[in-house]
């Protein structure tokens, strides 16, 4: 356990910045994939119910925030 603590303490500031950027990019990718999965599920549900998934004449649009 001491070697891990020594390693973490030895990382310079720019190293921590790189770790944070890599972590944020990974989280962003996970969020994008999850949103894509949700859109796909919604599209498939529309198709199953006989609704044209490309029809943009809905009263409100969920994608617009």
N, C-alpha and C. Protein backbone atom coordinates (compact mmCIF):
# COMPACT_ATOMS: atom_id res chain seq x y z
N UNK A 1 0.83 -1.20 0.00
CA UNK A 1 0.00 0.00 0.00
C UNK A 1 0.87 1.26 0.00
N UNK A 2 2.00 1.18 0.65
CA UNK A 2 2.89 2.34 0.70
C UNK A 2 3.43 2.69 -0.68
N UNK A 3 3.67 1.68 -1.51
CA UNK A 3 4.18 1.97 -2.85
C UNK A 3 3.15 2.72 -3.69
N UNK A 4 1.89 2.41 -3.49
CA UNK A 4 0.83 3.13 -4.22
C UNK A 4 0.79 4.59 -3.78
N UNK A 5 0.88 4.80 -2.48
CA UNK A 5 0.86 6.17 -1.95
C UNK A 5 2.07 6.95 -2.45
N UNK A 6 3.23 6.32 -2.45
CA UNK A 6 4.44 6.97 -2.96
C UNK A 6 4.30 7.31 -4.44
N UNK A 7 3.71 6.39 -5.21
CA UNK A 7 3.51 6.63 -6.64
C UNK A 7 2.57 7.81 -6.87
N UNK A 8 1.47 7.85 -6.12
CA UNK A 8 0.49 8.94 -6.27
C UNK A 8 1.12 10.28 -5.88
N UNK A 9 1.90 10.28 -4.83
CA UNK A 9 2.56 11.52 -4.40
C UNK A 9 3.62 11.98 -5.39
N UNK A 10 4.18 11.07 -6.16
CA UNK A 10 5.25 11.41 -7.10
C UNK A 10 4.72 11.97 -8.42
N UNK A 11 3.43 11.87 -8.67
CA UNK A 11 2.87 12.37 -9.94
C UNK A 11 2.85 13.90 -9.90
N UNK A 12 3.44 14.54 -10.92
CA UNK A 12 3.44 16.01 -10.96
C UNK A 12 2.07 16.56 -11.35
N UNK A 13 1.94 17.87 -11.28
CA UNK A 13 0.67 18.54 -11.57
C UNK A 13 0.17 18.21 -12.97
N UNK A 14 1.03 18.27 -13.98
CA UNK A 14 0.59 18.00 -15.35
C UNK A 14 0.09 16.56 -15.49
N UNK A 15 0.63 15.67 -14.69
CA UNK A 15 0.15 14.29 -14.72
C UNK A 15 -1.28 14.20 -14.20
N UNK A 16 -1.58 14.94 -13.15
CA UNK A 16 -2.94 14.94 -12.61
C UNK A 16 -3.92 15.55 -13.59
N UNK A 17 -3.46 16.60 -14.29
CA UNK A 17 -4.32 17.22 -15.31
C UNK A 17 -4.65 16.21 -16.40
N UNK A 18 -3.65 15.44 -16.81
CA UNK A 18 -3.88 14.42 -17.84
C UNK A 18 -4.85 13.35 -17.35
N UNK A 19 -4.72 12.94 -16.11
CA UNK A 19 -5.62 11.93 -15.55
C UNK A 19 -7.05 12.45 -15.52
N UNK A 20 -7.23 13.70 -15.15
CA UNK A 20 -8.57 14.30 -15.10
C UNK A 20 -9.17 14.40 -16.50
N UNK A 21 -8.37 14.82 -17.48
CA UNK A 21 -8.87 14.94 -18.85
C UNK A 21 -9.26 13.57 -19.40
N UNK A 22 -8.45 12.57 -19.16
CA UNK A 22 -8.77 11.22 -19.64
C UNK A 22 -10.04 10.70 -18.97
N UNK A 23 -10.18 10.94 -17.68
CA UNK A 23 -11.39 10.52 -16.98
C UNK A 23 -12.63 11.22 -17.49
N UNK A 24 -12.52 12.53 -17.72
CA UNK A 24 -13.68 13.28 -18.22
C UNK A 24 -14.07 12.82 -19.62
N UNK A 25 -13.08 12.52 -20.45
CA UNK A 25 -13.36 12.04 -21.80
C UNK A 25 -14.04 10.67 -21.75
N UNK A 26 -13.60 9.82 -20.86
CA UNK A 26 -14.23 8.51 -20.72
C UNK A 26 -15.68 8.63 -20.26
N UNK A 27 -15.93 9.51 -19.30
CA UNK A 27 -17.30 9.71 -18.82
C UNK A 27 -18.17 10.29 -19.93
N UNK A 28 -17.63 11.22 -20.71
CA UNK A 28 -18.38 11.80 -21.82
C UNK A 28 -18.76 10.73 -22.84
N UNK A 29 -17.84 9.82 -23.12
CA UNK A 29 -18.13 8.74 -24.05
C UNK A 29 -19.22 7.82 -23.54
N UNK A 30 -19.17 7.52 -22.26
CA UNK A 30 -20.20 6.66 -21.66
C UNK A 30 -21.57 7.32 -21.75
N UNK A 31 -21.63 8.61 -21.49
CA UNK A 31 -22.90 9.34 -21.56
C UNK A 31 -23.43 9.35 -22.99
N UNK A 32 -22.55 9.56 -23.97
CA UNK A 32 -22.99 9.56 -25.37
C UNK A 32 -23.55 8.21 -25.78
N UNK A 33 -22.88 7.15 -25.38
CA UNK A 33 -23.37 5.81 -25.72
C UNK A 33 -24.72 5.54 -25.07
N UNK A 34 -24.88 5.95 -23.82
CA UNK A 34 -26.14 5.73 -23.11
C UNK A 34 -27.27 6.51 -23.79
N UNK A 35 -27.00 7.75 -24.20
CA UNK A 35 -28.02 8.53 -24.91
C UNK A 35 -28.40 7.87 -26.22
N UNK A 36 -27.40 7.34 -26.93
CA UNK A 36 -27.67 6.67 -28.19
C UNK A 36 -28.53 5.43 -27.97
N UNK A 37 -28.26 4.69 -26.90
CA UNK A 37 -29.06 3.50 -26.59
C UNK A 37 -30.50 3.89 -26.28
N UNK A 38 -30.70 4.96 -25.54
CA UNK A 38 -32.06 5.42 -25.21
C UNK A 38 -32.80 5.84 -26.48
N UNK A 39 -32.13 6.59 -27.36
CA UNK A 39 -32.77 6.99 -28.61
C UNK A 39 -33.15 5.77 -29.45
N UNK A 40 -32.29 4.77 -29.46
CA UNK A 40 -32.58 3.56 -30.22
C UNK A 40 -33.80 2.83 -29.65
N UNK A 41 -33.87 2.73 -28.33
CA UNK A 41 -35.01 2.08 -27.69
C UNK A 41 -36.30 2.82 -28.00
N UNK A 42 -36.25 4.16 -27.95
CA UNK A 42 -37.44 4.96 -28.26
C UNK A 42 -37.84 4.77 -29.72
N UNK A 43 -36.86 4.73 -30.61
CA UNK A 43 -37.15 4.54 -32.03
C UNK A 43 -37.80 3.18 -32.27
N UNK A 44 -37.27 2.15 -31.63
CA UNK A 44 -37.83 0.81 -31.81
C UNK A 44 -39.25 0.74 -31.24
N UNK A 45 -39.50 1.43 -30.13
CA UNK A 45 -40.85 1.44 -29.56
C UNK A 45 -41.84 2.12 -30.51
N UNK A 46 -41.40 3.21 -31.15
CA UNK A 46 -42.26 3.88 -32.12
C UNK A 46 -42.59 2.96 -33.28
N UNK A 47 -41.58 2.25 -33.77
CA UNK A 47 -41.80 1.32 -34.88
C UNK A 47 -42.76 0.21 -34.48
N UNK A 48 -42.60 -0.33 -33.28
CA UNK A 48 -43.49 -1.38 -32.80
C UNK A 48 -44.94 -0.91 -32.70
N UNK A 49 -45.14 0.37 -32.40
CA UNK A 49 -46.50 0.91 -32.26
C UNK A 49 -47.04 1.46 -33.57
N UNK A 50 -46.28 1.30 -34.65
CA UNK A 50 -46.75 1.74 -35.96
C UNK A 50 -46.60 3.22 -36.20
N UNK A 51 -45.75 3.88 -35.44
CA UNK A 51 -45.52 5.32 -35.60
C UNK A 51 -44.26 5.49 -36.44
N UNK A 52 -44.31 6.44 -37.37
CA UNK A 52 -43.13 6.73 -38.19
C UNK A 52 -42.08 7.41 -37.31
N UNK A 53 -40.93 6.79 -37.08
CA UNK A 53 -39.93 7.38 -36.19
C UNK A 53 -39.28 8.63 -36.77
N UNK A 54 -39.42 8.84 -38.06
CA UNK A 54 -38.85 10.03 -38.68
C UNK A 54 -39.80 11.20 -38.71
N UNK A 55 -41.04 11.01 -38.24
CA UNK A 55 -42.06 12.06 -38.25
C UNK A 55 -41.72 13.11 -37.20
N UNK A 56 -41.53 14.34 -37.64
CA UNK A 56 -41.15 15.41 -36.72
C UNK A 56 -42.33 16.32 -36.37
N UNK A 57 -43.56 15.88 -36.57
CA UNK A 57 -44.72 16.73 -36.32
C UNK A 57 -45.31 16.52 -34.93
N UNK A 58 -44.51 15.99 -33.99
CA UNK A 58 -45.01 15.78 -32.64
C UNK A 58 -45.25 17.14 -31.96
N UNK A 59 -46.10 17.14 -30.95
CA UNK A 59 -46.40 18.37 -30.24
C UNK A 59 -45.18 18.94 -29.52
N UNK A 60 -44.35 18.07 -29.04
CA UNK A 60 -43.09 18.51 -28.43
C UNK A 60 -42.00 17.52 -28.83
N UNK A 61 -40.79 17.97 -28.76
CA UNK A 61 -39.67 17.11 -29.14
C UNK A 61 -38.78 16.91 -27.92
N UNK A 62 -38.53 15.66 -27.58
CA UNK A 62 -37.75 15.34 -26.38
C UNK A 62 -36.29 15.75 -26.50
N UNK A 63 -35.77 15.75 -27.74
CA UNK A 63 -34.35 16.03 -27.92
C UNK A 63 -34.01 17.50 -27.73
N UNK A 64 -34.99 18.37 -27.84
CA UNK A 64 -34.73 19.79 -27.69
C UNK A 64 -34.81 20.19 -26.22
N UNK A 65 -33.75 20.79 -25.76
CA UNK A 65 -33.71 21.22 -24.36
C UNK A 65 -33.45 22.70 -24.29
